[in-house]
Amino acid sequence: MESKAVQSNSRFDVVKWLVVFLLIAVGVVGNQYFSAESLLYRVLALVGLAIVAVFVALQTARGRRFATLLKEARVEIRKVVWPTRPELVQTTVIVVVFVLVVSLLLWGMDSIISLLVAGFIG
């Protein structure tokens, strides 16, 4: 029983995805066809088509899973302890100093190697 429900749901999902791709194609072709029209009108039409396409995509099983993923990611982001400004500045300074030291060391080693190679070549 359950496999039939999943199968019919996936058939409707295919139709919904076709509608999404059709909306995107209409937006692309319409934007090209109405290229002489005002940019504002074309952008408003594209935003409207995008909203409808996203709405239709979110009605599919994959779209619902994606929306759930976004909600869970938002919850996890709220759990993150973000650094304070002094911690951020201190870490940035450490990284910049380390990059400068390593770049000077590499420049020095490159200079020594190039002098040795120039001495051997003549």
PDB file of N, CA and C in Angstrom:
ATOM      1  N   MET A   1       0.814  -1.192   0.000  1.00  0.00           N
ATOM      2  CA  MET A   1       0.000   0.000   0.000  1.00  0.00           C
ATOM      3  C   MET A   1       0.858   1.257   0.000  1.00  0.00           C
ATOM      4  N   GLU A   2       1.839   1.246   0.884  1.00  0.00           N
ATOM      5  CA  GLU A   2       2.634   2.458   1.055  1.00  0.00           C
ATOM      6  C   GLU A   2       3.469   2.759  -0.184  1.00  0.00           C
ATOM      7  N   SER A   3       3.952   1.718  -0.865  1.00  0.00           N
ATOM      8  CA  SER A   3       4.763   1.954  -2.053  1.00  0.00           C
ATOM      9  C   SER A   3       3.952   2.640  -3.151  1.00  0.00           C
ATOM     10  N   LYS A   4       2.651   2.346  -3.229  1.00  0.00           N
ATOM     11  CA  LYS A   4       1.809   3.005  -4.228  1.00  0.00           C
ATOM     12  C   LYS A   4       1.677   4.494  -3.917  1.00  0.00           C
ATOM     13  N   ALA A   5       1.559   4.825  -2.648  1.00  0.00           N
ATOM     14  CA  ALA A   5       1.447   6.239  -2.267  1.00  0.00           C
ATOM     15  C   ALA A   5       2.733   6.978  -2.580  1.00  0.00           C
ATOM     16  N   VAL A   6       3.861   6.340  -2.308  1.00  0.00           N
ATOM     17  CA  VAL A   6       5.149   6.973  -2.595  1.00  0.00           C
ATOM     18  C   VAL A   6       5.338   7.116  -4.085  1.00  0.00           C
ATOM     19  N   GLN A   7       4.913   6.080  -4.848  1.00  0.00           N
ATOM     20  CA  GLN A   7       5.064   6.130  -6.291  1.00  0.00           C
ATOM     21  C   GLN A   7       4.212   7.232  -6.901  1.00  0.00           C
ATOM     22  N   SER A   8       2.954   7.380  -6.468  1.00  0.00           N
ATOM     23  CA  SER A   8       2.103   8.430  -7.020  1.00  0.00           C
ATOM     24  C   SER A   8       2.608   9.804  -6.601  1.00  0.00           C
ATOM     25  N   ASN A   9       3.154   9.878  -5.383  1.00  0.00           N
ATOM     26  CA  ASN A   9       3.720  11.142  -4.923  1.00  0.00           C
ATOM     27  C   ASN A   9       4.903  11.530  -5.793  1.00  0.00           C
ATOM     28  N   SER A  10       5.742  10.535  -6.146  1.00  0.00           N
ATOM     29  CA  SER A  10       6.896  10.847  -6.981  1.00  0.00           C
ATOM     30  C   SER A  10       6.459  11.241  -8.390  1.00  0.00           C
ATOM     31  N   ARG A  11       5.345  10.683  -8.881  1.00  0.00           N
ATOM     32  CA  ARG A  11       4.846  11.096 -10.192  1.00  0.00           C
ATOM     33  C   ARG A  11       4.430  12.564 -10.164  1.00  0.00           C
ATOM     34  N   PHE A  12       3.737  12.942  -9.095  1.00  0.00           N
ATOM     35  CA  PHE A  12       3.346  14.341  -8.976  1.00  0.00           C
ATOM     36  C   PHE A  12       4.572  15.226  -8.772  1.00  0.00           C
ATOM     37  N   ASP A  13       5.570  14.693  -8.078  1.00  0.00           N
ATOM     38  CA  ASP A  13       6.806  15.456  -7.897  1.00  0.00           C
ATOM     39  C   ASP A  13       7.478  15.728  -9.234  1.00  0.00           C
ATOM     40  N   VAL A  14       7.457  14.758 -10.119  1.00  0.00           N
ATOM     41  CA  VAL A  14       8.050  14.956 -11.446  1.00  0.00           C
ATOM     42  C   VAL A  14       7.301  16.059 -12.183  1.00  0.00           C
ATOM     43  N   VAL A  15       5.992  16.046 -12.078  1.00  0.00           N
ATOM     44  CA  VAL A  15       5.189  17.087 -12.733  1.00  0.00           C
ATOM     45  C   VAL A  15       5.502  18.454 -12.122  1.00  0.00           C
ATOM     46  N   LYS A  16       5.623  18.492 -10.810  1.00  0.00           N
ATOM     47  CA  LYS A  16       5.937  19.756 -10.140  1.00  0.00           C
ATOM     48  C   LYS A  16       7.308  20.273 -10.557  1.00  0.00           C
ATOM     49  N   TRP A  17       8.293  19.354 -10.659  1.00  0.00           N
ATOM     50  CA  TRP A  17       9.623  19.795 -11.099  1.00  0.00           C
ATOM     51  C   TRP A  17       9.588  20.275 -12.553  1.00  0.00           C
ATOM     52  N   LEU A  18       8.777  19.630 -13.380  1.00  0.00           N
ATOM     53  CA  LEU A  18       8.627  20.105 -14.759  1.00  0.00           C
ATOM     54  C   LEU A  18       8.025  21.509 -14.786  1.00  0.00           C
ATOM     55  N   VAL A  19       7.074  21.768 -13.902  1.00  0.00           N
ATOM     56  CA  VAL A  19       6.491  23.108 -13.810  1.00  0.00           C
ATOM     57  C   VAL A  19       7.558  24.111 -13.384  1.00  0.00           C
ATOM     58  N   VAL A  20       8.406  23.717 -12.422  1.00  0.00           N
ATOM     59  CA  VAL A  20       9.485  24.614 -11.978  1.00  0.00           C
ATOM     60  C   VAL A  20      10.416  24.944 -13.136  1.00  0.00           C
ATOM     61  N   PHE A  21      10.841  23.911 -13.872  1.00  0.00           N
ATOM     62  CA  PHE A  21      11.749  24.158 -14.994  1.00  0.00           C
ATOM     63  C   PHE A  21      11.071  24.950 -16.104  1.00  0.00           C
ATOM     64  N   LEU A  22       9.781  24.731 -16.303  1.00  0.00           N
ATOM     65  CA  LEU A  22       9.030  25.504 -17.291  1.00  0.00           C
ATOM     66  C   LEU A  22       8.973  26.974 -16.880  1.00  0.00           C
ATOM     67  N   LEU A  23       8.747  27.238 -15.585  1.00  0.00           N
ATOM     68  CA  LEU A  23       8.735  28.624 -15.102  1.00  0.00           C
ATOM     69  C   LEU A  23      10.094  29.297 -15.305  1.00  0.00           C
ATOM     70  N   ILE A  24      11.152  28.550 -15.053  1.00  0.00           N
ATOM     71  CA  ILE A  24      12.499  29.106 -15.262  1.00  0.00           C
ATOM     72  C   ILE A  24      12.721  29.397 -16.743  1.00  0.00           C
ATOM     73  N   ALA A  25      12.308  28.464 -17.596  1.00  0.00           N
ATOM     74  CA  ALA A  25      12.468  28.671 -19.045  1.00  0.00           C
ATOM     75  C   ALA A  25      11.649  29.864 -19.517  1.00  0.00           C
ATOM     76  N   VAL A  26      10.430  30.007 -19.001  1.00  0.00           N
ATOM     77  CA  VAL A  26       9.598  31.160 -19.364  1.00  0.00           C
ATOM     78  C   VAL A  26      10.285  32.453 -18.931  1.00  0.00           C
ATOM     79  N   GLY A  27      10.906  32.445 -17.758  1.00  0.00           N
ATOM     80  CA  GLY A  27      11.619  33.636 -17.291  1.00  0.00           C
ATOM     81  C   GLY A  27      12.787  33.993 -18.185  1.00  0.00           C
ATOM     82  N   VAL A  28      13.569  32.986 -18.571  1.00  0.00           N
ATOM     83  CA  VAL A  28      14.736  33.248 -19.427  1.00  0.00           C
ATOM     84  C   VAL A  28      14.303  33.732 -20.800  1.00  0.00           C
ATOM     85  N   VAL A  29      13.373  33.016 -21.408  1.00  0.00           N
ATOM     86  CA  VAL A  29      12.913  33.394 -22.760  1.00  0.00           C
ATOM     87  C   VAL A  29      12.184  34.727 -22.721  1.00  0.00           C
ATOM     88  N   GLY A  30      11.346  34.919 -21.712  1.00  0.00           N
ATOM     89  CA  GLY A  30      10.619  36.185 -21.598  1.00  0.00           C
ATOM     90  C   GLY A  30      11.534  37.369 -21.378  1.00  0.00           C
ATOM     91  N   ASN A  31      12.577  37.183 -20.593  1.00  0.00           N
ATOM     92  CA  ASN A  31      13.541  38.263 -20.372  1.00  0.00           C
ATOM     93  C   ASN A  31      14.235  38.645 -21.680  1.00  0.00           C
ATOM     94  N   GLN A  32      14.567  37.640 -22.484  1.00  0.00           N
ATOM     95  CA  GLN A  32      15.196  37.911 -23.774  1.00  0.00           C
ATOM     96  C   GLN A  32      14.201  38.548 -24.747  1.00  0.00           C
ATOM     97  N   TYR A  33      12.980  38.034 -24.764  1.00  0.00           N
ATOM     98  CA  TYR A  33      11.969  38.529 -25.704  1.00  0.00           C
ATOM     99  C   TYR A  33      11.580  39.973 -25.396  1.00  0.00           C
ATOM    100  N   PHE A  34      11.461  40.295 -24.109  1.00  0.00           N
ATOM    101  CA  PHE A  34      11.067  41.641 -23.711  1.00  0.00           C
ATOM    102  C   PHE A  34      12.276  42.501 -23.329  1.00  0.00           C
ATOM    103  N   SER A  35      13.386  42.298 -24.005  1.00  0.00           N
ATOM    104  CA  SER A  35      14.604  43.037 -23.669  1.00  0.00           C
ATOM    105  C   SER A  35      14.466  44.542 -23.919  1.00  0.00           C
ATOM    106  N   ALA A  36      13.524  44.941 -24.753  1.00  0.00           N
ATOM    107  CA  ALA A  36      13.324  46.369 -25.017  1.00  0.00           C
ATOM    108  C   ALA A  36      12.516  47.046 -23.911  1.00  0.00           C
ATOM    109  N   GLU A  37      11.857  46.252 -23.089  1.00  0.00           N
ATOM    110  CA  GLU A  37      11.055  46.812 -21.996  1.00  0.00           C
ATOM    111  C   GLU A  37      11.954  47.313 -20.869  1.00  0.00           C
ATOM    112  N   SER A  38      11.354  48.014 -19.947  1.00  0.00           N
ATOM    113  CA  SER A  38      12.082  48.564 -18.810  1.00  0.00           C
ATOM    114  C   SER A  38      12.681  47.437 -17.964  1.00  0.00           C
ATOM    115  N   LEU A  39      13.881  47.686 -17.477  1.00  0.00           N
ATOM    116  CA  LEU A  39      14.559  46.707 -16.643  1.00  0.00           C
ATOM    117  C   LEU A  39      13.768  46.430 -15.367  1.00  0.00           C
ATOM    118  N   LEU A  40      13.127  47.437 -14.831  1.00  0.00           N
ATOM    119  CA  LEU A  40      12.341  47.272 -13.612  1.00  0.00           C
ATOM    120  C   LEU A  40      11.226  46.252 -13.817  1.00  0.00           C
ATOM    121  N   TYR A  41      10.498  46.353 -14.919  1.00  0.00           N
ATOM    122  CA  TYR A  41       9.407  45.423 -15.189  1.00  0.00           C
ATOM    123  C   TYR A  41       9.920  44.000 -15.380  1.00  0.00           C
ATOM    124  N   ARG A  42      11.040  43.875 -16.074  1.00  0.00           N
ATOM    125  CA  ARG A  42      11.600  42.542 -16.290  1.00  0.00           C
ATOM    126  C   ARG A  42      12.071  41.922 -14.981  1.00  0.00           C
ATOM    127  N   VAL A  43      12.702  42.721 -14.122  1.00  0.00           N
ATOM    128  CA  VAL A  43      13.159  42.203 -12.829  1.00  0.00           C
ATOM    129  C   VAL A  43      11.970  41.814 -11.964  1.00  0.00           C
ATOM    130  N   LEU A  44      10.935  42.635 -11.945  1.00  0.00           N
ATOM    131  CA  LEU A  44       9.743  42.299 -11.163  1.00  0.00           C
ATOM    132  C   LEU A  44       9.103  41.011 -11.665  1.00  0.00           C
ATOM    133  N   ALA A  45       9.043  40.839 -12.971  1.00  0.00           N
ATOM    134  CA  ALA A  45       8.478  39.608 -13.534  1.00  0.00           C
ATOM    135  C   ALA A  45       9.338  38.403 -13.166  1.00  0.00           C
ATOM    136  N   LEU A  46      10.659  38.549 -13.242  1.00  0.00           N
ATOM    137  CA  LEU A  46      11.546  37.443 -12.888  1.00  0.00           C
ATOM    138  C   LEU A  46      11.454  37.097 -11.407  1.00  0.00           C
ATOM    139  N   VAL A  47      11.347  38.111 -10.557  1.00  0.00           N
ATOM    140  CA  VAL A  47      11.199  37.848  -9.115  1.00  0.00           C
ATOM    141  C   VAL A  47       9.883  37.130  -8.849  1.00  0.00           C
ATOM    142  N   GLY A  48       8.818  37.557  -9.509  1.00  0.00           N
ATOM    143  CA  GLY A  48       7.525  36.892  -9.350  1.00  0.00           C
ATOM    144  C   GLY A  48       7.585  35.443  -9.800  1.00  0.00           C
ATOM    145  N   LEU A  49       8.194  35.189 -10.967  1.00  0.00           N
ATOM    146  CA  LEU A  49       8.336  33.816 -11.442  1.00  0.00           C
ATOM    147  C   LEU A  49       9.201  32.984 -10.496  1.00  0.00           C
ATOM    148  N   ALA A  50      10.247  33.591  -9.955  1.00  0.00           N
ATOM    149  CA  ALA A  50      11.120  32.870  -9.026  1.00  0.00           C
ATOM    150  C   ALA A  50      10.371  32.500  -7.754  1.00  0.00           C
ATOM    151  N   ILE A  51       9.541  33.398  -7.259  1.00  0.00           N
ATOM    152  CA  ILE A  51       8.763  33.109  -6.049  1.00  0.00           C
ATOM    153  C   ILE A  51       7.798  31.953  -6.311  1.00  0.00           C
ATOM    154  N   VAL A  52       7.135  31.980  -7.449  1.00  0.00           N
ATOM    155  CA  VAL A  52       6.205  30.900  -7.783  1.00  0.00           C
ATOM    156  C   VAL A  52       6.971  29.587  -7.961  1.00  0.00           C
ATOM    157  N   ALA A  53       8.130  29.627  -8.622  1.00  0.00           N
ATOM    158  CA  ALA A  53       8.925  28.410  -8.838  1.00  0.00           C
ATOM    159  C   ALA A  53       9.405  27.828  -7.514  1.00  0.00           C
ATOM    160  N   VAL A  54       9.851  28.681  -6.599  1.00  0.00           N
ATOM    161  CA  VAL A  54      10.295  28.202  -5.285  1.00  0.00           C
ATOM    162  C   VAL A  54       9.117  27.608  -4.518  1.00  0.00           C
ATOM    163  N   PHE A  55       7.972  28.253  -4.595  1.00  0.00           N
ATOM    164  CA  PHE A  55       6.779  27.730  -3.915  1.00  0.00           C
ATOM    165  C   PHE A  55       6.419  26.345  -4.441  1.00  0.00           C
ATOM    166  N   VAL A  56       6.442  26.176  -5.754  1.00  0.00           N
ATOM    167  CA  VAL A  56       6.117  24.877  -6.345  1.00  0.00           C
ATOM    168  C   VAL A  56       7.184  23.850  -5.968  1.00  0.00           C
ATOM    169  N   ALA A  57       8.451  24.248  -5.990  1.00  0.00           N
ATOM    170  CA  ALA A  57       9.532  23.319  -5.640  1.00  0.00           C
ATOM    171  C   ALA A  57       9.434  22.873  -4.189  1.00  0.00           C
ATOM    172  N   LEU A  58       9.011  23.759  -3.306  1.00  0.00           N
ATOM    173  CA  LEU A  58       8.888  23.396  -1.892  1.00  0.00           C
ATOM    174  C   LEU A  58       7.714  22.452  -1.641  1.00  0.00           C
ATOM    175  N   GLN A  59       6.836  22.259  -2.616  1.00  0.00           N
ATOM    176  CA  GLN A  59       5.720  21.327  -2.470  1.00  0.00           C
ATOM    177  C   GLN A  59       6.134  19.891  -2.766  1.00  0.00           C
ATOM    178  N   THR A  60       7.343  19.683  -3.300  1.00  0.00           N
ATOM    179  CA  THR A  60       7.822  18.338  -3.598  1.00  0.00           C
ATOM    180  C   THR A  60       8.476  17.743  -2.355  1.00  0.00           C
ATOM    181  N   ALA A  61       8.696  16.442  -2.389  1.00  0.00           N
ATOM    182  CA  ALA A  61       9.340  15.765  -1.253  1.00  0.00           C
ATOM    183  C   ALA A  61      10.756  16.285  -1.055  1.00  0.00           C
ATOM    184  N   ARG A  62      11.478  16.438  -2.134  1.00  0.00           N
ATOM    185  CA  ARG A  62      12.857  16.936  -2.039  1.00  0.00           C
ATOM    186  C   ARG A  62      12.876  18.388  -1.553  1.00  0.00           C
ATOM    187  N   GLY A  63      11.913  19.174  -1.985  1.00  0.00           N
ATOM    188  CA  GLY A  63      11.823  20.563  -1.542  1.00  0.00           C
ATOM    189  C   GLY A  63      11.517  20.660  -0.057  1.00  0.00           C
ATOM    190  N   ARG A  64      10.632  19.783   0.429  1.00  0.00           N
ATOM    191  CA  ARG A  64      10.325  19.775   1.875  1.00  0.00           C
ATOM    192  C   ARG A  64      11.541  19.359   2.681  1.00  0.00           C
ATOM    193  N   ARG A  65      12.296  18.390   2.167  1.00  0.00           N
ATOM    194  CA  ARG A  65      13.525  17.980   2.871  1.00  0.00           C
ATOM    195  C   ARG A  65      14.524  19.127   2.900  1.00  0.00           C
ATOM    196  N   PHE A  66      14.619  19.869   1.803  1.00  0.00           N
ATOM    197  CA  PHE A  66      15.536  21.002   1.756  1.00  0.00           C
ATOM    198  C   PHE A  66      15.116  22.090   2.743  1.00  0.00           C
ATOM    199  N   ALA A  67      13.809  22.351   2.824  1.00  0.00           N
ATOM    200  CA  ALA A  67      13.315  23.347   3.776  1.00  0.00           C
ATOM    201  C   ALA A  67      13.601  22.907   5.207  1.00  0.00           C
ATOM    202  N   THR A  68      13.443  21.619   5.491  1.00  0.00           N
ATOM    203  CA  THR A  68      13.766  21.094   6.821  1.00  0.00           C
ATOM    204  C   THR A  68      15.246  21.255   7.109  1.00  0.00           C
ATOM    205  N   LEU A  69      16.078  20.983   6.116  1.00  0.00           N
ATOM    206  CA  LEU A  69      17.523  21.158   6.284  1.00  0.00           C
ATOM    207  C   LEU A  69      17.863  22.607   6.617  1.00  0.00           C
ATOM    208  N   LEU A  70      17.241  23.552   5.928  1.00  0.00           N
ATOM    209  CA  LEU A  70      17.498  24.965   6.204  1.00  0.00           C
ATOM    210  C   LEU A  70      17.072  25.345   7.613  1.00  0.00           C
ATOM    211  N   LYS A  71      15.928  24.832   8.062  1.00  0.00           N
ATOM    212  CA  LYS A  71      15.461  25.127   9.419  1.00  0.00           C
ATOM    213  C   LYS A  71      16.420  24.561  10.455  1.00  0.00           C
ATOM    214  N   GLU A  72      16.881  23.324  10.236  1.00  0.00           N
ATOM    215  CA  GLU A  72      17.817  22.709  11.182  1.00  0.00           C
ATOM    216  C   GLU A  72      19.157  23.434  11.170  1.00  0.00           C
ATOM    217  N   ALA A  73      19.601  23.883  10.009  1.00  0.00           N
ATOM    218  CA  ALA A  73      20.858  24.623   9.929  1.00  0.00           C
ATOM    219  C   ALA A  73      20.753  25.945  10.685  1.00  0.00           C
ATOM    220  N   ARG A  74      19.602  26.572  10.588  1.00  0.00           N
ATOM    221  CA  ARG A  74      19.401  27.832  11.313  1.00  0.00           C
ATOM    222  C   ARG A  74      19.457  27.608  12.822  1.00  0.00           C
ATOM    223  N   VAL A  75      18.881  26.510  13.279  1.00  0.00           N
ATOM    224  CA  VAL A  75      18.931  26.179  14.709  1.00  0.00           C
ATOM    225  C   VAL A  75      20.377  25.939  15.133  1.00  0.00           C
ATOM    226  N   GLU A  76      21.144  25.238  14.308  1.00  0.00           N
ATOM    227  CA  GLU A  76      22.544  24.955  14.648  1.00  0.00           C
ATOM    228  C   GLU A  76      23.388  26.229  14.639  1.00  0.00           C
ATOM    229  N   ILE A  77      23.101  27.138  13.723  1.00  0.00           N
ATOM    230  CA  ILE A  77      23.857  28.394  13.669  1.00  0.00           C
ATOM    231  C   ILE A  77      23.623  29.203  14.933  1.00  0.00           C
ATOM    232  N   ARG A  78      22.428  29.133  15.477  1.00  0.00           N
ATOM    233  CA  ARG A  78      22.139  29.861  16.714  1.00  0.00           C
ATOM    234  C   ARG A  78      22.916  29.289  17.892  1.00  0.00           C
ATOM    235  N   LYS A  79      23.328  28.030  17.808  1.00  0.00           N
ATOM    236  CA  LYS A  79      24.083  27.398  18.881  1.00  0.00           C
ATOM    237  C   LYS A  79      25.568  27.784  18.864  1.00  0.00           C
ATOM    238  N   VAL A  80      26.031  28.332  17.759  1.00  0.00           N
ATOM    239  CA  VAL A  80      27.448  28.672  17.613  1.00  0.00           C
ATOM    240  C   VAL A  80      27.798  29.837  18.533  1.00  0.00           C
ATOM    241  N   VAL A  81      28.953  29.716  19.191  1.00  0.00           N
ATOM    242  CA  VAL A  81      29.447  30.811  20.020  1.00  0.00           C
ATOM    243  C   VAL A  81      30.402  31.627  19.147  1.00  0.00           C
ATOM    244  N   TRP A  82      29.972  32.807  18.758  1.00  0.00           N
ATOM    245  CA  TRP A  82      30.761  33.641  17.871  1.00  0.00           C
ATOM    246  C   TRP A  82      31.805  34.394  18.676  1.00  0.00           C
ATOM    247  N   PRO A  83      32.987  34.630  18.092  1.00  0.00           N
ATOM    248  CA  PRO A  83      34.041  35.342  18.838  1.00  0.00           C
ATOM    249  C   PRO A  83      33.678  36.805  19.053  1.00  0.00           C
ATOM    250  N   THR A  84      34.220  37.346  20.137  1.00  0.00           N
ATOM    251  CA  THR A  84      34.031  38.765  20.395  1.00  0.00           C
ATOM    252  C   THR A  84      34.966  39.551  19.496  1.00  0.00           C
ATOM    253  N   ARG A  85      34.775  40.858  19.450  1.00  0.00           N
ATOM    254  CA  ARG A  85      35.613  41.690  18.586  1.00  0.00           C
ATOM    255  C   ARG A  85      37.095  41.620  18.984  1.00  0.00           C
ATOM    256  N   PRO A  86      37.442  41.709  20.278  1.00  0.00           N
ATOM    257  CA  PRO A  86      38.869  41.597  20.627  1.00  0.00           C
ATOM    258  C   PRO A  86      39.465  40.237  20.235  1.00  0.00           C
ATOM    259  N   GLU A  87      38.710  39.153  20.409  1.00  0.00           N
ATOM    260  CA  GLU A  87      39.209  37.840  19.999  1.00  0.00           C
ATOM    261  C   GLU A  87      39.423  37.790  18.495  1.00  0.00           C
ATOM    262  N   LEU A  88      38.503  38.375  17.756  1.00  0.00           N
ATOM    263  CA  LEU A  88      38.606  38.392  16.299  1.00  0.00           C
ATOM    264  C   LEU A  88      39.828  39.183  15.843  1.00  0.00           C
ATOM    265  N   VAL A  89      40.045  40.355  16.452  1.00  0.00           N
ATOM    266  CA  VAL A  89      41.200  41.188  16.088  1.00  0.00           C
ATOM    267  C   VAL A  89      42.498  40.470  16.433  1.00  0.00           C
ATOM    268  N   GLN A  90      42.551  39.862  17.619  1.00  0.00           N
ATOM    269  CA  GLN A  90      43.766  39.170  18.041  1.00  0.00           C
ATOM    270  C   GLN A  90      44.082  37.992  17.111  1.00  0.00           C
ATOM    271  N   THR A  91      43.095  37.224  16.757  1.00  0.00           N
ATOM    272  CA  THR A  91      43.302  36.099  15.853  1.00  0.00           C
ATOM    273  C   THR A  91      43.750  36.575  14.480  1.00  0.00           C
ATOM    274  N   THR A  92      43.156  37.649  13.990  1.00  0.00           N
ATOM    275  CA  THR A  92      43.533  38.191  12.687  1.00  0.00           C
ATOM    276  C   THR A  92      44.975  38.669  12.688  1.00  0.00           C
ATOM    277  N   VAL A  93      45.381  39.350  13.760  1.00  0.00           N
ATOM    278  CA  VAL A  93      46.762  39.828  13.853  1.00  0.00           C
ATOM    279  C   VAL A  93      47.727  38.647  13.878  1.00  0.00           C
ATOM    280  N   ILE A  94      47.398  37.603  14.614  1.00  0.00           N
ATOM    281  CA  ILE A  94      48.264  36.419  14.671  1.00  0.00           C
ATOM    282  C   ILE A  94      48.415  35.800  13.293  1.00  0.00           C
ATOM    283  N   VAL A  95      47.324  35.686  12.555  1.00  0.00           N
ATOM    284  CA  VAL A  95      47.374  35.099  11.213  1.00  0.00           C
ATOM    285  C   VAL A  95      48.211  35.962  10.276  1.00  0.00           C
ATOM    286  N   VAL A  96      48.023  37.280  10.313  1.00  0.00           N
ATOM    287  CA  VAL A  96      48.781  38.175   9.434  1.00  0.00           C
ATOM    288  C   VAL A  96      50.268  38.107   9.747  1.00  0.00           C
ATOM    289  N   VAL A  97      50.635  38.115  11.027  1.00  0.00           N
ATOM    290  CA  VAL A  97      52.046  38.033  11.416  1.00  0.00           C
ATOM    291  C   VAL A  97      52.637  36.700  10.968  1.00  0.00           C
ATOM    292  N   PHE A  98      51.915  35.617  11.161  1.00  0.00           N
ATOM    293  CA  PHE A  98      52.405  34.311  10.751  1.00  0.00           C
ATOM    294  C   PHE A  98      52.610  34.247   9.238  1.00  0.00           C
ATOM    295  N   VAL A  99      51.683  34.791   8.475  1.00  0.00           N
ATOM    296  CA  VAL A  99      51.820  34.804   7.016  1.00  0.00           C
ATOM    297  C   VAL A  99      53.037  35.623   6.604  1.00  0.00           C
ATOM    298  N   LEU A 100      53.252  36.766   7.247  1.00  0.00           N
ATOM    299  CA  LEU A 100      54.426  37.580   6.933  1.00  0.00           C
ATOM    300  C   LEU A 100      55.728  36.851   7.251  1.00  0.00           C
ATOM    301  N   VAL A 101      55.801  36.198   8.400  1.00  0.00           N
ATOM    302  CA  VAL A 101      57.014  35.462   8.782  1.00  0.00           C
ATOM    303  C   VAL A 101      57.291  34.334   7.797  1.00  0.00           C
ATOM    304  N   VAL A 102      56.282  33.566   7.470  1.00  0.00           N
ATOM    305  CA  VAL A 102      56.473  32.459   6.525  1.00  0.00           C
ATOM    306  C   VAL A 102      56.838  32.987   5.146  1.00  0.00           C
ATOM    307  N   SER A 103      56.224  34.087   4.702  1.00  0.00           N
ATOM    308  CA  SER A 103      56.571  34.632   3.387  1.00  0.00           C
ATOM    309  C   SER A 103      58.009  35.133   3.365  1.00  0.00           C
ATOM    310  N   LEU A 104      58.484  35.756   4.454  1.00  0.00           N
ATOM    311  CA  LEU A 104      59.883  36.195   4.520  1.00  0.00           C
ATOM    312  C   LEU A 104      60.834  34.995   4.515  1.00  0.00           C
ATOM    313  N   LEU A 105      60.487  33.936   5.241  1.00  0.00           N
ATOM    314  CA  LEU A 105      61.322  32.731   5.222  1.00  0.00           C
ATOM    315  C   LEU A 105      61.384  32.123   3.822  1.00  0.00           C
ATOM    316  N   LEU A 106      60.253  32.029   3.161  1.00  0.00           N
ATOM    317  CA  LEU A 106      60.251  31.479   1.799  1.00  0.00           C
ATOM    318  C   LEU A 106      61.013  32.373   0.825  1.00  0.00           C
ATOM    319  N   TRP A 107      60.881  33.688   0.998  1.00  0.00           N
ATOM    320  CA  TRP A 107      61.630  34.613   0.137  1.00  0.00           C
ATOM    321  C   TRP A 107      63.126  34.438   0.360  1.00  0.00           C
ATOM    322  N   GLY A 108      63.530  34.301   1.609  1.00  0.00           N
ATOM    323  CA  GLY A 108      64.954  34.103   1.910  1.00  0.00           C
ATOM    324  C   GLY A 108      65.479  32.801   1.334  1.00  0.00           C
ATOM    325  N   MET A 109      64.729  31.724   1.513  1.00  0.00           N
ATOM    326  CA  MET A 109      65.170  30.433   0.960  1.00  0.00           C
ATOM    327  C   MET A 109      65.210  30.485  -0.562  1.00  0.00           C
ATOM    328  N   ASP A 110      64.266  31.146  -1.182  1.00  0.00           N
ATOM    329  CA  ASP A 110      64.249  31.277  -2.641  1.00  0.00           C
ATOM    330  C   ASP A 110      65.459  32.078  -3.114  1.00  0.00           C
ATOM    331  N   SER A 111      65.792  33.144  -2.387  1.00  0.00           N
ATOM    332  CA  SER A 111      66.954  33.957  -2.766  1.00  0.00           C
ATOM    333  C   SER A 111      68.236  33.146  -2.661  1.00  0.00           C
ATOM    334  N   ILE A 112      68.395  32.384  -1.593  1.00  0.00           N
ATOM    335  CA  ILE A 112      69.603  31.563  -1.414  1.00  0.00           C
ATOM    336  C   ILE A 112      69.691  30.505  -2.498  1.00  0.00           C
ATOM    337  N   ILE A 113      68.594  29.841  -2.785  1.00  0.00           N
ATOM    338  CA  ILE A 113      68.601  28.805  -3.822  1.00  0.00           C
ATOM    339  C   ILE A 113      68.889  29.410  -5.188  1.00  0.00           C
ATOM    340  N   SER A 114      68.301  30.572  -5.483  1.00  0.00           N
ATOM    341  CA  SER A 114      68.563  31.195  -6.791  1.00  0.00           C
ATOM    342  C   SER A 114      70.013  31.637  -6.905  1.00  0.00           C
ATOM    343  N   LEU A 115      70.642  32.115  -5.813  1.00  0.00           N
ATOM    344  CA  LEU A 115      72.065  32.479  -5.837  1.00  0.00           C
ATOM    345  C   LEU A 115      72.933  31.235  -6.047  1.00  0.00           C
ATOM    346  N   LEU A 116      72.600  30.136  -5.400  1.00  0.00           N
ATOM    347  CA  LEU A 116      73.372  28.901  -5.581  1.00  0.00           C
ATOM    348  C   LEU A 116      73.254  28.386  -7.019  1.00  0.00           C
ATOM    349  N   VAL A 117      72.031  28.410  -7.557  1.00  0.00           N
ATOM    350  CA  VAL A 117      71.842  27.951  -8.936  1.00  0.00           C
ATOM    351  C   VAL A 117      72.565  28.877  -9.904  1.00  0.00           C
ATOM    352  N   ALA A 118      72.522  30.197  -9.659  1.00  0.00           N
ATOM    353  CA  ALA A 118      73.226  31.151 -10.532  1.00  0.00           C
ATOM    354  C   ALA A 118      74.736  30.918 -10.451  1.00  0.00           C
ATOM    355  N   GLY A 119      75.247  30.564  -9.259  1.00  0.00           N
ATOM    356  CA  GLY A 119      76.685  30.266  -9.111  1.00  0.00           C
ATOM    357  C   GLY A 119      77.092  29.024  -9.875  1.00  0.00           C
ATOM    358  N   PHE A 120      76.265  28.006  -9.895  1.00  0.00           N
ATOM    359  CA  PHE A 120      76.598  26.784 -10.619  1.00  0.00           C
ATOM    360  C   PHE A 120      76.487  26.982 -12.124  1.00  0.00           C
ATOM    361  N   ILE A 121      75.486  27.759 -12.551  1.00  0.00           N
ATOM    362  CA  ILE A 121      75.297  27.967 -13.977  1.00  0.00           C
ATOM    363  C   ILE A 121      76.379  28.883 -14.539  1.00  0.00           C
ATOM    364  N   GLY A 122      76.761  29.857 -13.781  1.00  0.00           N
ATOM    365  CA  GLY A 122      77.868  30.714 -14.182  1.00  0.00           C
ATOM    366  C   GLY A 122      77.401  32.039 -14.570  1.00  0.00           C
TER     367      GLY A 122
END
